[in-house]
Amino acid sequence: MDPQPASSAPGAPPVTAVADTSARPVVVGSYNVHKCVGLDGRFDPARIAAVVAELGADVVALQEVDRRFGRRSGLLDAEMLRRDSGLHLLHVSDLPDGHGWHGNALLVRDGSVTRLRRLTLPGAEPRGAIITELALPAGPLRVVAAHFGLLRRCRMRQSAMILDAIAEGETMPTLLLGDLNEWRPGRRSSLRPLDALFGPMAASPPSFPAPLPLISLDRILGWPQGILRQVQVHRSTLARIASDHLPLKAWVDLDPARLSLQDRLPEAA
């Protein structure tokens, strides 16, 4: 059941009170695991689990965790992930043996799910996103995990759909994590619609290709502005071969002293 919202101004989404806690920042990650196939051609879920454990994260969004064609069964070892990293795989698939929704999965260390929504994103190829509202020890957090399409016009539509879905929910700190498949900055970027919520995008560390990352395909975005303390790419020896992408990692500040209950989701969202 969704938590009881606090009162809000007419026409604005209801505000969820933030827990009064001085907990450490929440560590989050995003990782395209390339169906657990490394650059050496080996299918190795154990290696992916080891890289995830290296992140030391509280919440991790994963992409390409299921088979691409035929039955979308999961490719990860959920028990190994839990043992190595302490992270639990949320059940978001519509199959009992699936791990993700259109390949998107979410791992969480502590906390509970208060709301979960699956989106089928518009476009020329099957793409999706999951919107998960979490009650974490540090406070409520909405996490949108997504994998955008290869075509620019599709990414524009996918951005707009995600903003609409966020605006339908309660007001709370929100992250967008995933492989957004956009490397162009500024006016040419297909991610410009996201500026309406997340503000002008700062440069993201390059995460692709893993051996010599040159392109910023993967993103961690946060609202309200200022909740992301730092975003960095994880460059371990193992990560350089386990997938064709390197993971991203960020520190998120949910200290209620830095979040104003006067903040509202922009109307453009």
Protein backbone atom coordinates (compact mmCIF):
# COMPACT_ATOMS: atom_id res chain seq x y z
CA MET A 1 0.00 0.00 0.00
CA ASP A 2 1.31 3.47 -0.85
CA PRO A 3 2.25 5.61 2.18
CA GLN A 4 -0.17 8.32 3.24
CA PRO A 5 0.89 11.51 1.43
CA ALA A 6 1.34 14.86 3.13
CA SER A 7 -0.79 17.76 1.97
CA SER A 8 0.25 19.68 -1.13
CA ALA A 9 -0.81 22.67 -3.16
CA PRO A 10 -3.86 22.31 -5.39
CA GLY A 11 -3.01 20.77 -8.73
CA ALA A 12 0.39 19.46 -7.56
CA PRO A 13 1.18 15.79 -6.89
CA PRO A 14 0.93 14.90 -3.20
CA VAL A 15 4.15 15.13 -1.22
CA THR A 16 5.57 12.14 0.57
CA ALA A 17 7.26 13.08 3.84
CA VAL A 18 10.97 12.25 3.92
CA ALA A 19 12.26 10.21 6.82
CA ASP A 20 14.10 12.13 9.53
CA THR A 21 17.45 10.37 9.34
CA SER A 22 21.11 11.27 9.07
CA ALA A 23 22.00 8.04 7.30
CA ARG A 24 24.96 7.90 4.96
CA PRO A 25 24.36 8.67 1.29
CA VAL A 26 22.60 5.97 -0.73
CA VAL A 27 24.98 4.39 -3.22
CA VAL A 28 23.38 3.52 -6.56
CA GLY A 29 24.65 1.90 -9.74
CA SER A 30 23.66 1.23 -13.32
CA TYR A 31 25.13 -1.60 -15.40
CA ASN A 32 24.39 -3.00 -18.85
CA VAL A 33 25.49 -6.62 -18.35
CA HIS A 34 25.39 -7.57 -22.07
CA LYS A 35 23.42 -10.74 -21.33
CA CYS A 36 26.30 -11.86 -19.09
CA VAL A 37 28.58 -12.33 -22.12
CA GLY A 38 32.00 -10.77 -21.66
CA LEU A 39 34.40 -9.38 -24.22
CA ASP A 40 36.13 -12.75 -24.26
CA GLY A 41 32.91 -14.34 -25.56
CA ARG A 42 32.24 -16.22 -22.31
CA PHE A 43 28.78 -16.41 -20.78
CA ASP A 44 29.61 -15.89 -17.10
CA PRO A 45 26.89 -14.74 -14.64
CA ALA A 46 29.33 -15.26 -11.76
CA ARG A 47 31.62 -12.62 -13.20
CA ILE A 48 28.74 -10.16 -13.47
CA ALA A 49 27.80 -10.87 -9.84
CA ALA A 50 31.39 -10.16 -8.81
CA VAL A 51 31.41 -6.79 -10.61
CA VAL A 52 28.09 -5.83 -9.00
CA ALA A 53 29.56 -6.72 -5.60
CA GLU A 54 32.54 -4.45 -6.30
CA LEU A 55 30.17 -1.47 -6.52
CA GLY A 56 29.15 -1.75 -2.86
CA ALA A 57 25.82 -0.22 -3.85
CA ASP A 58 22.45 -0.11 -2.11
CA VAL A 59 20.42 -0.01 -5.34
CA VAL A 60 21.54 -1.18 -8.80
CA ALA A 61 19.67 -1.00 -12.11
CA LEU A 62 20.71 -3.68 -14.59
CA GLN A 63 20.04 -3.88 -18.32
CA GLU A 64 20.02 -6.93 -20.64
CA VAL A 65 19.43 -9.45 -17.85
CA ASP A 66 17.06 -11.72 -19.84
CA ARG A 67 17.25 -13.64 -23.08
CA ARG A 68 16.58 -11.31 -25.98
CA PHE A 69 14.57 -13.65 -28.21
CA GLY A 70 12.05 -16.38 -27.50
CA ARG A 71 11.14 -16.90 -23.87
CA ARG A 72 12.55 -13.97 -21.88
CA SER A 73 13.97 -16.12 -19.09
CA GLY A 74 16.55 -14.64 -16.73
CA LEU A 75 20.30 -15.04 -17.22
CA LEU A 76 21.54 -14.03 -13.78
CA ASP A 77 22.15 -16.13 -10.68
CA ALA A 78 19.98 -14.32 -8.12
CA GLU A 79 21.32 -16.34 -5.20
CA MET A 80 24.90 -15.60 -6.19
CA LEU A 81 24.11 -11.89 -6.45
CA ARG A 82 22.56 -11.93 -2.99
CA ARG A 83 25.48 -13.84 -1.50
CA ASP A 84 28.22 -11.78 -3.13
CA SER A 85 26.71 -8.31 -2.88
CA GLY A 86 23.87 -8.46 -0.33
CA LEU A 87 21.48 -7.23 -3.03
CA HIS A 88 18.09 -8.81 -3.67
CA LEU A 89 16.62 -9.09 -7.15
CA LEU A 90 13.14 -7.56 -7.25
CA HIS A 91 10.56 -9.60 -9.11
CA VAL A 92 9.50 -7.42 -12.02
CA SER A 93 9.15 -9.99 -14.81
CA ASP A 94 5.83 -11.38 -16.00
CA LEU A 95 7.50 -14.81 -16.12
CA PRO A 96 8.33 -16.93 -13.06
CA ASP A 97 11.87 -17.49 -14.36
CA GLY A 98 12.38 -13.98 -15.73
CA HIS A 99 14.56 -11.38 -14.04
CA GLY A 100 13.62 -8.13 -15.72
CA TRP A 101 11.08 -6.20 -17.72
CA HIS A 102 12.32 -5.87 -21.29
CA GLY A 103 15.69 -6.73 -19.80
CA ASN A 104 15.58 -4.12 -17.01
CA ALA A 105 16.06 -5.38 -13.46
CA LEU A 106 16.52 -3.76 -10.07
CA LEU A 107 18.62 -4.93 -7.14
CA VAL A 108 18.01 -3.52 -3.64
CA ARG A 109 19.93 -4.08 -0.41
CA ASP A 110 17.55 -2.84 2.32
CA GLY A 111 14.05 -1.42 2.21
CA SER A 112 10.69 -2.28 0.72
CA VAL A 113 8.75 -1.58 -2.45
CA THR A 114 5.74 0.69 -2.00
CA ARG A 115 4.81 0.89 -5.66
CA LEU A 116 5.99 -0.79 -8.86
CA ARG A 117 5.01 0.05 -12.40
CA ARG A 118 6.17 -1.50 -15.67
CA LEU A 119 6.22 0.58 -18.85
CA THR A 120 6.38 -0.64 -22.42
CA LEU A 121 8.18 2.19 -24.14
CA PRO A 122 7.18 3.34 -27.63
CA GLY A 123 9.56 2.70 -30.48
CA ALA A 124 10.64 0.54 -33.39
CA GLU A 125 12.02 -2.21 -31.15
CA PRO A 126 10.84 -3.72 -27.85
CA ARG A 127 11.98 -1.50 -25.00
CA GLY A 128 10.76 -0.98 -21.46
CA ALA A 129 11.26 0.69 -18.11
CA ILE A 130 10.35 -0.04 -14.50
CA ILE A 131 9.35 2.67 -12.04
CA THR A 132 9.86 1.55 -8.46
CA GLU A 133 9.04 3.58 -5.37
CA LEU A 134 11.17 2.39 -2.48
CA ALA A 135 11.02 2.91 1.28
CA LEU A 136 14.71 2.90 2.16
CA PRO A 137 16.29 3.40 5.61
CA ALA A 138 17.36 6.88 4.40
CA GLY A 139 13.88 7.78 3.16
CA PRO A 140 11.63 7.32 0.12
CA LEU A 141 13.21 7.13 -3.32
CA ARG A 142 11.74 6.61 -6.77
CA VAL A 143 14.00 4.71 -9.15
CA VAL A 144 13.30 4.59 -12.88
CA ALA A 145 15.35 1.86 -14.58
CA ALA A 146 15.33 2.03 -18.37
CA HIS A 147 17.05 0.99 -21.58
CA PHE A 148 16.32 3.38 -24.44
CA GLY A 149 16.19 2.51 -28.12
CA LEU A 150 18.75 2.94 -30.87
CA LEU A 151 16.77 5.48 -32.91
CA ARG A 152 16.77 9.16 -31.96
CA ARG A 153 13.06 9.70 -32.58
CA CYS A 154 12.28 6.71 -30.36
CA ARG A 155 14.42 8.03 -27.52
CA MET A 156 12.57 11.34 -27.68
CA ARG A 157 9.21 9.57 -27.29
CA GLN A 158 10.56 7.30 -24.57
CA SER A 159 11.82 10.29 -22.58
CA ALA A 160 8.41 11.95 -22.81
CA MET A 161 6.58 8.81 -21.69
CA ILE A 162 8.80 8.41 -18.64
CA LEU A 163 8.27 12.04 -17.64
CA ASP A 164 4.50 11.58 -17.89
CA ALA A 165 4.66 8.44 -15.75
CA ILE A 166 6.76 10.17 -13.08
CA ALA A 167 4.33 13.10 -12.94
CA GLU A 168 1.48 10.69 -12.14
CA GLY A 169 3.16 9.62 -8.90
CA GLU A 170 3.78 11.25 -5.56
CA THR A 171 6.50 13.86 -5.21
CA MET A 172 9.67 12.25 -3.91
CA PRO A 173 13.37 12.18 -4.78
CA THR A 174 13.66 10.51 -8.18
CA LEU A 175 16.48 8.85 -10.09
CA LEU A 176 16.66 7.73 -13.70
CA LEU A 177 19.27 5.05 -14.27
CA GLY A 178 20.12 3.07 -17.35
CA ASP A 179 21.60 2.73 -20.78
CA LEU A 180 19.97 5.68 -22.55
CA ASN A 181 21.85 5.11 -25.83
CA GLU A 182 22.61 8.79 -26.36
CA TRP A 183 26.12 10.15 -26.75
CA ARG A 184 25.44 13.58 -28.26
CA PRO A 185 25.47 16.55 -25.89
CA GLY A 186 23.51 19.79 -25.94
CA ARG A 187 20.92 20.69 -28.55
CA ARG A 188 21.48 17.57 -30.64
CA SER A 189 20.74 15.22 -27.75
CA SER A 190 17.58 13.12 -27.88
CA LEU A 191 17.48 13.35 -24.07
CA ARG A 192 16.66 17.06 -24.04
CA PRO A 193 13.02 16.42 -22.99
CA LEU A 194 14.41 15.09 -19.69
CA ASP A 195 15.81 18.56 -18.93
CA ALA A 196 12.27 19.57 -17.93
CA LEU A 197 12.64 17.49 -14.77
CA PHE A 198 16.32 16.75 -14.26
CA GLY A 199 17.68 20.07 -15.51
CA PRO A 200 20.42 20.59 -18.09
CA MET A 201 22.50 17.44 -18.16
CA ALA A 202 26.06 17.61 -17.01
CA ALA A 203 28.68 15.55 -18.78
CA SER A 204 28.53 11.90 -17.81
CA PRO A 205 31.69 9.81 -17.53
CA PRO A 206 32.18 7.61 -20.63
CA SER A 207 31.27 3.97 -20.02
CA PHE A 208 31.45 2.39 -23.50
CA PRO A 209 33.25 0.42 -24.80
CA ALA A 210 34.54 -1.15 -21.62
CA PRO A 211 38.24 -1.61 -22.51
CA LEU A 212 38.66 2.02 -23.62
CA PRO A 213 35.51 3.99 -22.74
CA LEU A 214 34.92 6.94 -25.06
CA ILE A 215 31.12 7.31 -25.22
CA SER A 216 28.62 8.25 -22.48
CA LEU A 217 25.74 5.89 -23.19
CA ASP A 218 24.89 5.18 -19.55
CA ARG A 219 23.34 7.77 -17.24
CA ILE A 220 22.37 8.42 -13.64
CA LEU A 221 20.09 11.47 -13.33
CA GLY A 222 18.52 12.86 -10.17
CA TRP A 223 15.73 15.18 -9.01
CA PRO A 224 15.67 17.53 -7.20
CA GLN A 225 18.94 18.92 -8.43
CA GLY A 226 21.71 18.53 -5.90
CA ILE A 227 20.83 15.06 -4.61
CA LEU A 228 23.59 13.47 -6.70
CA ARG A 229 26.88 14.04 -4.93
CA GLN A 230 29.05 12.33 -7.50
CA VAL A 231 28.75 10.11 -10.58
CA GLN A 232 31.71 8.00 -11.62
CA VAL A 233 32.51 5.06 -13.85
CA HIS A 234 33.67 1.82 -12.21
CA ARG A 235 36.92 0.79 -13.92
CA SER A 236 38.05 -2.42 -12.25
CA THR A 237 40.04 -5.05 -14.13
CA LEU A 238 37.09 -7.43 -13.95
CA ALA A 239 34.60 -4.82 -15.18
CA ARG A 240 36.71 -4.18 -18.26
CA ILE A 241 36.05 -7.69 -19.55
CA ALA A 242 32.76 -8.82 -17.95
CA SER A 243 30.54 -6.75 -20.30
CA ASP A 244 30.89 -4.31 -23.19
CA HIS A 245 29.76 -1.50 -20.83
CA LEU A 246 31.39 -0.33 -17.61
CA PRO A 247 29.07 0.26 -14.63
CA LEU A 248 28.22 3.72 -13.36
CA LYS A 249 28.09 4.50 -9.65
CA ALA A 250 26.71 7.52 -7.79
CA TRP A 251 26.18 8.78 -4.25
CA VAL A 252 22.69 10.14 -3.51
CA ASP A 253 21.97 12.50 -0.62
CA LEU A 254 18.50 11.99 0.85
CA ASP A 255 19.14 14.13 3.92
CA PRO A 256 15.77 15.78 4.61
CA ALA A 257 17.53 19.02 5.51
CA ARG A 258 18.46 19.36 1.83
CA LEU A 259 15.03 18.51 0.49
CA SER A 260 12.26 21.08 0.67
CA LEU A 261 8.66 19.96 0.81
CA GLN A 262 7.93 23.06 -1.27
CA ASP A 263 9.55 21.38 -4.27
CA ARG A 264 7.07 20.24 -6.86
CA LEU A 265 7.44 18.22 -10.01
CA PRO A 266 7.61 20.69 -12.92
CA GLU A 267 4.45 20.96 -14.95
CA ALA A 268 6.46 20.05 -18.02
CA ALA A 269 6.99 16.58 -16.55
